[in-house]
All heavy atoms as atom14 arrays in JSON, in Angstrom:
{
  "sequence": "KLKYAKTYEAILSTPLEIEDIALGEVAWSMIRGAIYSGLFVLVM",
  "atom14_mask": [
    [1, 1, 1, 1, 1, 1, 1, 1, 1, 0, 0, 0, 0, 0],
    [1, 1, 1, 1, 1, 1, 1, 1, 0, 0, 0, 0, 0, 0],
    [1, 1, 1, 1, 1, 1, 1, 1, 1, 0, 0, 0, 0, 0],
    [1, 1, 1, 1, 1, 1, 1, 1, 1, 1, 1, 1, 0, 0],
    [1, 1, 1, 1, 1, 0, 0, 0, 0, 0, 0, 0, 0, 0],
    [1, 1, 1, 1, 1, 1, 1, 1, 1, 0, 0, 0, 0, 0],
    [1, 1, 1, 1, 1, 1, 1, 0, 0, 0, 0, 0, 0, 0],
    [1, 1, 1, 1, 1, 1, 1, 1, 1, 1, 1, 1, 0, 0],
    [1, 1, 1, 1, 1, 1, 1, 1, 1, 0, 0, 0, 0, 0],
    [1, 1, 1, 1, 1, 0, 0, 0, 0, 0, 0, 0, 0, 0],
    [1, 1, 1, 1, 1, 1, 1, 1, 0, 0, 0, 0, 0, 0],
    [1, 1, 1, 1, 1, 1, 1, 1, 0, 0, 0, 0, 0, 0],
    [1, 1, 1, 1, 1, 1, 0, 0, 0, 0, 0, 0, 0, 0],
    [1, 1, 1, 1, 1, 1, 1, 0, 0, 0, 0, 0, 0, 0],
    [1, 1, 1, 1, 1, 1, 1, 0, 0, 0, 0, 0, 0, 0],
    [1, 1, 1, 1, 1, 1, 1, 1, 0, 0, 0, 0, 0, 0],
    [1, 1, 1, 1, 1, 1, 1, 1, 1, 0, 0, 0, 0, 0],
    [1, 1, 1, 1, 1, 1, 1, 1, 0, 0, 0, 0, 0, 0],
    [1, 1, 1, 1, 1, 1, 1, 1, 1, 0, 0, 0, 0, 0],
    [1, 1, 1, 1, 1, 1, 1, 1, 0, 0, 0, 0, 0, 0],
    [1, 1, 1, 1, 1, 1, 1, 1, 0, 0, 0, 0, 0, 0],
    [1, 1, 1, 1, 1, 0, 0, 0, 0, 0, 0, 0, 0, 0],
    [1, 1, 1, 1, 1, 1, 1, 1, 0, 0, 0, 0, 0, 0],
    [1, 1, 1, 1, 0, 0, 0, 0, 0, 0, 0, 0, 0, 0],
    [1, 1, 1, 1, 1, 1, 1, 1, 1, 0, 0, 0, 0, 0],
    [1, 1, 1, 1, 1, 1, 1, 0, 0, 0, 0, 0, 0, 0],
    [1, 1, 1, 1, 1, 0, 0, 0, 0, 0, 0, 0, 0, 0],
    [1, 1, 1, 1, 1, 1, 1, 1, 1, 1, 1, 1, 1, 1],
    [1, 1, 1, 1, 1, 1, 0, 0, 0, 0, 0, 0, 0, 0],
    [1, 1, 1, 1, 1, 1, 1, 1, 0, 0, 0, 0, 0, 0],
    [1, 1, 1, 1, 1, 1, 1, 1, 0, 0, 0, 0, 0, 0],
    [1, 1, 1, 1, 1, 1, 1, 1, 1, 1, 1, 0, 0, 0],
    [1, 1, 1, 1, 0, 0, 0, 0, 0, 0, 0, 0, 0, 0],
    [1, 1, 1, 1, 1, 0, 0, 0, 0, 0, 0, 0, 0, 0],
    [1, 1, 1, 1, 1, 1, 1, 1, 0, 0, 0, 0, 0, 0],
    [1, 1, 1, 1, 1, 1, 1, 1, 1, 1, 1, 1, 0, 0],
    [1, 1, 1, 1, 1, 1, 0, 0, 0, 0, 0, 0, 0, 0],
    [1, 1, 1, 1, 0, 0, 0, 0, 0, 0, 0, 0, 0, 0],
    [1, 1, 1, 1, 1, 1, 1, 1, 0, 0, 0, 0, 0, 0],
    [1, 1, 1, 1, 1, 1, 1, 1, 1, 1, 1, 0, 0, 0],
    [1, 1, 1, 1, 1, 1, 1, 0, 0, 0, 0, 0, 0, 0],
    [1, 1, 1, 1, 1, 1, 1, 1, 0, 0, 0, 0, 0, 0],
    [1, 1, 1, 1, 1, 1, 1, 0, 0, 0, 0, 0, 0, 0],
    [1, 1, 1, 1, 1, 1, 1, 1, 0, 0, 0, 0, 0, 0]
  ],
  "atom14_positions": [
    [[-2.51, 25.23, 14.04], [-1.98, 23.87, 13.9], [-0.48, 23.84, 14.11], [0.07, 22.86, 14.63], [-2.32, 23.33, 12.5], [-3.79, 23.15, 12.24], [-4.02, 22.79, 10.78], [-5.5, 22.86, 10.41], [-5.7, 22.67, 8.96], [0.0, 0.0, 0.0], [0.0, 0.0, 0.0], [0.0, 0.0, 0.0], [0.0, 0.0, 0.0], [0.0, 0.0, 0.0]],
    [[0.2, 24.9, 13.7], [1.65, 24.94, 13.79], [2.14, 25.24, 15.19], [3.07, 24.59, 15.69], [2.17, 26.0, 12.8], [3.67, 26.07, 12.56], [4.18, 24.79, 11.94], [4.0, 27.25, 11.65], [0.0, 0.0, 0.0], [0.0, 0.0, 0.0], [0.0, 0.0, 0.0], [0.0, 0.0, 0.0], [0.0, 0.0, 0.0], [0.0, 0.0, 0.0]],
    [[1.53, 26.21, 15.87], [2.05, 26.69, 17.14], [1.42, 26.01, 18.36], [2.07, 25.88, 19.4], [1.82, 28.19, 17.24], [2.55, 29.01, 16.18], [4.04, 28.98, 16.36], [4.73, 29.91, 15.35], [6.21, 29.91, 15.52], [0.0, 0.0, 0.0], [0.0, 0.0, 0.0], [0.0, 0.0, 0.0], [0.0, 0.0, 0.0], [0.0, 0.0, 0.0]],
    [[0.15, 25.59, 18.26], [-0.56, 25.11, 19.44], [-0.98, 23.65, 19.33], [-0.69, 22.86, 20.23], [-1.79, 25.99, 19.7], [-1.43, 27.41, 20.08], [-1.36, 28.41, 19.12], [-1.12, 27.73, 21.39], [-1.0, 29.71, 19.46], [-0.77, 29.03, 21.75], [-0.71, 30.02, 20.78], [-0.34, 31.29, 21.12], [0.0, 0.0, 0.0], [0.0, 0.0, 0.0]],
    [[-1.67, 23.29, 18.29], [-2.15, 21.91, 18.17], [-1.04, 20.92, 17.82], [-1.21, 19.72, 18.03], [-3.26, 21.83, 17.11], [0.0, 0.0, 0.0], [0.0, 0.0, 0.0], [0.0, 0.0, 0.0], [0.0, 0.0, 0.0], [0.0, 0.0, 0.0], [0.0, 0.0, 0.0], [0.0, 0.0, 0.0], [0.0, 0.0, 0.0], [0.0, 0.0, 0.0]],
    [[0.06, 21.42, 17.26], [1.18, 20.56, 16.84], [0.72, 19.48, 15.86], [1.18, 18.34, 15.88], [1.86, 19.91, 18.06], [2.35, 20.9, 19.11], [3.39, 21.85, 18.55], [3.88, 22.83, 19.62], [4.87, 23.8, 19.09], [0.0, 0.0, 0.0], [0.0, 0.0, 0.0], [0.0, 0.0, 0.0], [0.0, 0.0, 0.0], [0.0, 0.0, 0.0]],
    [[-0.22, 19.87, 15.01], [-0.79, 18.92, 14.06], [0.25, 18.43, 13.07], [0.28, 17.24, 12.72], [-1.95, 19.59, 13.3], [-2.91, 20.06, 14.24], [-2.61, 18.62, 12.33], [0.0, 0.0, 0.0], [0.0, 0.0, 0.0], [0.0, 0.0, 0.0], [0.0, 0.0, 0.0], [0.0, 0.0, 0.0], [0.0, 0.0, 0.0], [0.0, 0.0, 0.0]],
    [[1.11, 19.31, 12.62], [2.05, 18.93, 11.57], [3.14, 18.0, 12.07], [3.64, 17.16, 11.3], [2.65, 20.18, 10.93], [1.61, 21.08, 10.32], [1.63, 22.45, 10.52], [0.57, 20.55, 9.56], [0.66, 23.27, 9.98], [-0.41, 21.36, 9.02], [-0.36, 22.72, 9.23], [-1.33, 23.53, 8.69], [0.0, 0.0, 0.0], [0.0, 0.0, 0.0]],
    [[3.52, 18.11, 13.35], [4.47, 17.15, 13.9], [3.88, 15.74, 13.87], [4.57, 14.77, 13.55], [4.85, 17.53, 15.33], [5.82, 18.68, 15.45], [5.13, 20.03, 15.46], [3.93, 20.1, 15.05], [5.76, 21.02, 15.86], [0.0, 0.0, 0.0], [0.0, 0.0, 0.0], [0.0, 0.0, 0.0], [0.0, 0.0, 0.0], [0.0, 0.0, 0.0]],
    [[2.59, 15.64, 14.19], [1.93, 14.33, 14.13], [1.85, 13.81, 12.7], [2.06, 12.62, 12.44], [0.53, 14.42, 14.74], [0.0, 0.0, 0.0], [0.0, 0.0, 0.0], [0.0, 0.0, 0.0], [0.0, 0.0, 0.0], [0.0, 0.0, 0.0], [0.0, 0.0, 0.0], [0.0, 0.0, 0.0], [0.0, 0.0, 0.0], [0.0, 0.0, 0.0]],
    [[1.57, 14.71, 11.76], [1.47, 14.29, 10.35], [2.82, 13.79, 9.84], [2.89, 12.81, 9.09], [0.96, 15.46, 9.5], [-0.51, 15.75, 9.82], [1.12, 15.17, 8.0], [-1.07, 16.96, 9.12], [0.0, 0.0, 0.0], [0.0, 0.0, 0.0], [0.0, 0.0, 0.0], [0.0, 0.0, 0.0], [0.0, 0.0, 0.0], [0.0, 0.0, 0.0]],
    [[3.89, 14.43, 10.26], [5.22, 14.03, 9.79], [5.68, 12.7, 10.36], [6.68, 12.14, 9.9], [6.25, 15.12, 10.13], [6.12, 16.41, 9.32], [7.12, 17.44, 9.81], [6.31, 16.14, 7.83], [0.0, 0.0, 0.0], [0.0, 0.0, 0.0], [0.0, 0.0, 0.0], [0.0, 0.0, 0.0], [0.0, 0.0, 0.0], [0.0, 0.0, 0.0]],
    [[4.96, 12.17, 11.36], [5.28, 10.84, 11.86], [4.71, 9.75, 10.96], [4.98, 8.56, 11.16], [4.74, 10.66, 13.29], [3.32, 10.7, 13.3], [0.0, 0.0, 0.0], [0.0, 0.0, 0.0], [0.0, 0.0, 0.0], [0.0, 0.0, 0.0], [0.0, 0.0, 0.0], [0.0, 0.0, 0.0], [0.0, 0.0, 0.0], [0.0, 0.0, 0.0]],
    [[3.91, 10.14, 9.97], [3.39, 9.24, 8.94], [4.26, 9.38, 7.7], [5.19, 10.18, 7.66], [1.93, 9.6, 8.62], [1.9, 10.83, 7.88], [1.11, 9.76, 9.89], [0.0, 0.0, 0.0], [0.0, 0.0, 0.0], [0.0, 0.0, 0.0], [0.0, 0.0, 0.0], [0.0, 0.0, 0.0], [0.0, 0.0, 0.0], [0.0, 0.0, 0.0]],
    [[3.98, 8.62, 6.65], [4.78, 8.76, 5.42], [4.63, 10.1, 4.71], [5.34, 10.36, 3.73], [4.26, 7.62, 4.53], [3.71, 6.62, 5.47], [3.13, 7.41, 6.59], [0.0, 0.0, 0.0], [0.0, 0.0, 0.0], [0.0, 0.0, 0.0], [0.0, 0.0, 0.0], [0.0, 0.0, 0.0], [0.0, 0.0, 0.0], [0.0, 0.0, 0.0]],
    [[3.73, 10.97, 5.15], [3.57, 12.26, 4.49], [4.78, 13.16, 4.77], [5.43, 13.03, 5.81], [2.3, 12.96, 4.95], [1.02, 12.62, 4.15], [0.63, 11.18, 4.37], [-0.13, 13.54, 4.55], [0.0, 0.0, 0.0], [0.0, 0.0, 0.0], [0.0, 0.0, 0.0], [0.0, 0.0, 0.0], [0.0, 0.0, 0.0], [0.0, 0.0, 0.0]],
    [[5.06, 14.07, 3.85], [6.22, 14.93, 3.94], [5.79, 16.4, 3.95], [4.6, 16.72, 3.83], [7.16, 14.66, 2.76], [7.65, 13.22, 2.68], [8.45, 12.95, 1.42], [8.54, 13.85, 0.56], [8.98, 11.82, 1.29], [0.0, 0.0, 0.0], [0.0, 0.0, 0.0], [0.0, 0.0, 0.0], [0.0, 0.0, 0.0], [0.0, 0.0, 0.0]],
    [[6.79, 17.28, 4.1], [6.52, 18.72, 4.15], [5.77, 19.17, 2.91], [4.83, 19.98, 2.98], [7.84, 19.5, 4.29], [8.43, 19.29, 5.69], [7.62, 20.99, 4.04], [7.66, 19.92, 6.81], [0.0, 0.0, 0.0], [0.0, 0.0, 0.0], [0.0, 0.0, 0.0], [0.0, 0.0, 0.0], [0.0, 0.0, 0.0], [0.0, 0.0, 0.0]],
    [[6.19, 18.7, 1.75], [5.55, 19.11, 0.5], [4.08, 18.71, 0.47], [3.24, 19.45, -0.07], [6.28, 18.49, -0.7], [7.66, 19.05, -0.96], [8.71, 18.54, 0.01], [8.39, 17.59, 0.79], [9.83, 19.07, 0.01], [0.0, 0.0, 0.0], [0.0, 0.0, 0.0], [0.0, 0.0, 0.0], [0.0, 0.0, 0.0], [0.0, 0.0, 0.0]],
    [[3.75, 17.56, 1.05], [2.36, 17.13, 1.1], [1.53, 18.05, 1.99], [0.39, 18.38, 1.66], [2.27, 15.7, 1.63], [3.12, 14.73, 0.83], [3.11, 14.84, -0.41], [3.79, 13.88, 1.43], [0.0, 0.0, 0.0], [0.0, 0.0, 0.0], [0.0, 0.0, 0.0], [0.0, 0.0, 0.0], [0.0, 0.0, 0.0], [0.0, 0.0, 0.0]],
    [[2.12, 18.48, 3.12], [1.42, 19.4, 4.01], [1.16, 20.72, 3.31], [0.04, 21.26, 3.35], [2.24, 19.63, 5.3], [2.33, 18.33, 6.1], [1.62, 20.74, 6.14], [3.23, 18.43, 7.31], [0.0, 0.0, 0.0], [0.0, 0.0, 0.0], [0.0, 0.0, 0.0], [0.0, 0.0, 0.0], [0.0, 0.0, 0.0], [0.0, 0.0, 0.0]],
    [[2.2, 21.26, 2.64], [2.05, 22.55, 1.96], [0.98, 22.48, 0.87], [0.07, 23.33, 0.81], [3.39, 22.98, 1.37], [0.0, 0.0, 0.0], [0.0, 0.0, 0.0], [0.0, 0.0, 0.0], [0.0, 0.0, 0.0], [0.0, 0.0, 0.0], [0.0, 0.0, 0.0], [0.0, 0.0, 0.0], [0.0, 0.0, 0.0], [0.0, 0.0, 0.0]],
    [[1.05, 21.46, 0.03], [0.08, 21.33, -1.06], [-1.33, 21.08, -0.51], [-2.31, 21.66, -1.0], [0.49, 20.18, -1.98], [1.64, 20.45, -2.95], [2.01, 19.16, -3.67], [1.27, 21.53, -3.95], [0.0, 0.0, 0.0], [0.0, 0.0, 0.0], [0.0, 0.0, 0.0], [0.0, 0.0, 0.0], [0.0, 0.0, 0.0], [0.0, 0.0, 0.0]],
    [[-1.44, 20.22, 0.5], [-2.74, 19.89, 1.03], [-3.42, 21.08, 1.7], [-4.61, 21.3, 1.51], [0.0, 0.0, 0.0], [0.0, 0.0, 0.0], [0.0, 0.0, 0.0], [0.0, 0.0, 0.0], [0.0, 0.0, 0.0], [0.0, 0.0, 0.0], [0.0, 0.0, 0.0], [0.0, 0.0, 0.0], [0.0, 0.0, 0.0], [0.0, 0.0, 0.0]],
    [[-2.66, 21.86, 2.47], [-3.25, 23.0, 3.15], [-3.62, 24.11, 2.16], [-4.66, 24.77, 2.31], [-2.28, 23.54, 4.22], [-2.1, 22.62, 5.41], [-3.33, 22.53, 6.29], [-4.39, 23.07, 5.94], [-3.24, 21.9, 7.36], [0.0, 0.0, 0.0], [0.0, 0.0, 0.0], [0.0, 0.0, 0.0], [0.0, 0.0, 0.0], [0.0, 0.0, 0.0]],
    [[-2.79, 24.34, 1.17], [-3.14, 25.32, 0.14], [-4.38, 24.88, -0.62], [-5.28, 25.68, -0.89], [-1.95, 25.56, -0.81], [-2.4, 26.34, -2.05], [-0.84, 26.32, -0.11], [0.0, 0.0, 0.0], [0.0, 0.0, 0.0], [0.0, 0.0, 0.0], [0.0, 0.0, 0.0], [0.0, 0.0, 0.0], [0.0, 0.0, 0.0], [0.0, 0.0, 0.0]],
    [[-4.44, 23.59, -0.95], [-5.61, 23.08, -1.67], [-6.87, 23.22, -0.82], [-7.94, 23.62, -1.33], [-5.4, 21.62, -2.04], [0.0, 0.0, 0.0], [0.0, 0.0, 0.0], [0.0, 0.0, 0.0], [0.0, 0.0, 0.0], [0.0, 0.0, 0.0], [0.0, 0.0, 0.0], [0.0, 0.0, 0.0], [0.0, 0.0, 0.0], [0.0, 0.0, 0.0]],
    [[-6.77, 22.92, 0.47], [-7.94, 23.04, 1.33], [-8.41, 24.5, 1.44], [-9.6, 24.78, 1.38], [-7.63, 22.49, 2.71], [-8.67, 22.83, 3.73], [-8.55, 23.66, 4.8], [-10.02, 22.36, 3.75], [-9.73, 23.73, 5.5], [-10.65, 22.94, 4.87], [-10.76, 21.51, 2.94], [-11.98, 22.7, 5.2], [-12.09, 21.27, 3.26], [-12.69, 21.86, 4.36]],
    [[-7.47, 25.42, 1.61], [-7.84, 26.84, 1.7], [-8.48, 27.31, 0.39], [-9.43, 28.09, 0.4], [-6.61, 27.69, 2.03], [-6.08, 27.34, 3.29], [0.0, 0.0, 0.0], [0.0, 0.0, 0.0], [0.0, 0.0, 0.0], [0.0, 0.0, 0.0], [0.0, 0.0, 0.0], [0.0, 0.0, 0.0], [0.0, 0.0, 0.0], [0.0, 0.0, 0.0]],
    [[-7.95, 26.82, -0.74], [-8.54, 27.18, -2.02], [-9.96, 26.62, -2.14], [-10.86, 27.28, -2.66], [-7.67, 26.66, -3.17], [-8.15, 27.12, -4.54], [-7.45, 26.18, -5.9], [-8.33, 24.64, -5.74], [0.0, 0.0, 0.0], [0.0, 0.0, 0.0], [0.0, 0.0, 0.0], [0.0, 0.0, 0.0], [0.0, 0.0, 0.0], [0.0, 0.0, 0.0]],
    [[-10.17, 25.41, -1.64], [-11.5, 24.8, -1.7], [-12.49, 25.63, -0.89], [-13.62, 25.88, -1.31], [-11.45, 23.35, -1.19], [-10.72, 22.47, -2.2], [-12.86, 22.81, -0.93], [-10.44, 21.07, -1.7], [0.0, 0.0, 0.0], [0.0, 0.0, 0.0], [0.0, 0.0, 0.0], [0.0, 0.0, 0.0], [0.0, 0.0, 0.0], [0.0, 0.0, 0.0]],
    [[-12.06, 26.09, 0.3], [-12.95, 26.92, 1.1], [-13.28, 28.22, 0.37], [-14.43, 28.66, 0.35], [-12.32, 27.22, 2.46], [-13.24, 28.03, 3.36], [-12.81, 27.98, 4.8], [-13.77, 28.67, 5.65], [-13.77, 28.62, 6.97], [-12.86, 27.89, 7.6], [-14.66, 29.28, 7.68], [0.0, 0.0, 0.0], [0.0, 0.0, 0.0], [0.0, 0.0, 0.0]],
    [[-12.27, 28.85, -0.22], [-12.53, 30.05, -1.0], [-13.43, 29.77, -2.2], [-14.27, 30.6, -2.56], [0.0, 0.0, 0.0], [0.0, 0.0, 0.0], [0.0, 0.0, 0.0], [0.0, 0.0, 0.0], [0.0, 0.0, 0.0], [0.0, 0.0, 0.0], [0.0, 0.0, 0.0], [0.0, 0.0, 0.0], [0.0, 0.0, 0.0], [0.0, 0.0, 0.0]],
    [[-13.27, 28.59, -2.81], [-14.12, 28.23, -3.94], [-15.57, 28.05, -3.52], [-16.5, 28.4, -4.26], [-13.6, 26.95, -4.59], [0.0, 0.0, 0.0], [0.0, 0.0, 0.0], [0.0, 0.0, 0.0], [0.0, 0.0, 0.0], [0.0, 0.0, 0.0], [0.0, 0.0, 0.0], [0.0, 0.0, 0.0], [0.0, 0.0, 0.0], [0.0, 0.0, 0.0]],
    [[-15.8, 27.5, -2.32], [-17.17, 27.34, -1.83], [-17.79, 28.7, -1.56], [-18.95, 28.96, -1.93], [-17.18, 26.45, -0.57], [-16.77, 25.02, -0.94], [-18.55, 26.47, 0.1], [-16.6, 24.1, 0.25], [0.0, 0.0, 0.0], [0.0, 0.0, 0.0], [0.0, 0.0, 0.0], [0.0, 0.0, 0.0], [0.0, 0.0, 0.0], [0.0, 0.0, 0.0]],
    [[-17.04, 29.59, -0.9], [-17.55, 30.94, -0.65], [-17.93, 31.61, -1.97], [-19.01, 32.19, -2.1], [-16.48, 31.77, 0.06], [-16.41, 31.6, 1.55], [-16.62, 30.36, 2.14], [-16.13, 32.67, 2.38], [-16.55, 30.19, 3.51], [-16.05, 32.51, 3.76], [-16.25, 31.27, 4.31], [-16.18, 31.13, 5.67], [0.0, 0.0, 0.0], [0.0, 0.0, 0.0]],
    [[-16.99, 31.58, -2.92], [-17.23, 32.28, -4.19], [-18.32, 31.59, -5.0], [-19.1, 32.26, -5.7], [-15.94, 32.36, -5.0], [-15.38, 31.08, -5.23], [0.0, 0.0, 0.0], [0.0, 0.0, 0.0], [0.0, 0.0, 0.0], [0.0, 0.0, 0.0], [0.0, 0.0, 0.0], [0.0, 0.0, 0.0], [0.0, 0.0, 0.0], [0.0, 0.0, 0.0]],
    [[-18.41, 30.26, -4.91], [-19.46, 29.55, -5.64], [-20.85, 29.94, -5.16], [-21.77, 30.14, -5.97], [0.0, 0.0, 0.0], [0.0, 0.0, 0.0], [0.0, 0.0, 0.0], [0.0, 0.0, 0.0], [0.0, 0.0, 0.0], [0.0, 0.0, 0.0], [0.0, 0.0, 0.0], [0.0, 0.0, 0.0], [0.0, 0.0, 0.0], [0.0, 0.0, 0.0]],
    [[-21.01, 30.06, -3.85], [-22.3, 30.51, -3.31], [-22.6, 31.93, -3.73], [-23.75, 32.28, -4.02], [-22.28, 30.39, -1.78], [-22.2, 28.97, -1.21], [-22.03, 29.01, 0.3], [-23.45, 28.17, -1.59], [0.0, 0.0, 0.0], [0.0, 0.0, 0.0], [0.0, 0.0, 0.0], [0.0, 0.0, 0.0], [0.0, 0.0, 0.0], [0.0, 0.0, 0.0]],
    [[-21.56, 32.76, -3.8], [-21.77, 34.15, -4.2], [-22.12, 34.25, -5.69], [-22.89, 35.14, -6.08], [-20.53, 34.98, -3.9], [-20.77, 36.46, -3.95], [-21.34, 37.12, -2.88], [-20.45, 37.2, -5.08], [-21.57, 38.48, -2.91], [-20.68, 38.55, -5.13], [-21.24, 39.2, -4.05], [0.0, 0.0, 0.0], [0.0, 0.0, 0.0], [0.0, 0.0, 0.0]],
    [[-21.56, 33.36, -6.5], [-21.92, 33.33, -7.93], [-23.41, 33.05, -8.08], [-24.09, 33.63, -8.94], [-21.07, 32.29, -8.68], [-21.64, 32.04, -10.08], [-19.63, 32.76, -8.79], [0.0, 0.0, 0.0], [0.0, 0.0, 0.0], [0.0, 0.0, 0.0], [0.0, 0.0, 0.0], [0.0, 0.0, 0.0], [0.0, 0.0, 0.0], [0.0, 0.0, 0.0]],
    [[-23.95, 32.17, -7.24], [-25.4, 31.91, -7.28], [-26.2, 33.17, -6.95], [-27.22, 33.45, -7.59], [-25.75, 30.79, -6.3], [-25.24, 29.39, -6.64], [-25.64, 28.41, -5.54], [-25.79, 28.92, -7.99], [0.0, 0.0, 0.0], [0.0, 0.0, 0.0], [0.0, 0.0, 0.0], [0.0, 0.0, 0.0], [0.0, 0.0, 0.0], [0.0, 0.0, 0.0]],
    [[-25.72, 33.93, -5.96], [-26.39, 35.18, -5.63], [-26.35, 36.14, -6.81], [-27.35, 36.79, -7.15], [-25.74, 35.82, -4.38], [-26.34, 37.19, -4.09], [-25.91, 34.91, -3.17], [0.0, 0.0, 0.0], [0.0, 0.0, 0.0], [0.0, 0.0, 0.0], [0.0, 0.0, 0.0], [0.0, 0.0, 0.0], [0.0, 0.0, 0.0], [0.0, 0.0, 0.0]],
    [[-25.18, 36.23, -7.46], [-25.04, 37.11, -8.64], [-25.98, 36.67, -9.76], [-26.61, 37.5, -10.42], [-23.59, 37.11, -9.12], [-22.61, 37.8, -8.2], [-20.9, 37.64, -8.79], [-20.99, 38.45, -10.4], [0.0, 0.0, 0.0], [0.0, 0.0, 0.0], [0.0, 0.0, 0.0], [0.0, 0.0, 0.0], [0.0, 0.0, 0.0], [0.0, 0.0, 0.0]]
  ]
}
């Protein structure tokens, strides 16, 4: 998104700010990890 898609440049043209991008992307990555681990908890 940073080097090729230029997604964050487009996002910054909206009222969202750098802090929103950082928090949102960290939250999304955590959610994906939570889904992986949640499925594994079921296996356990």
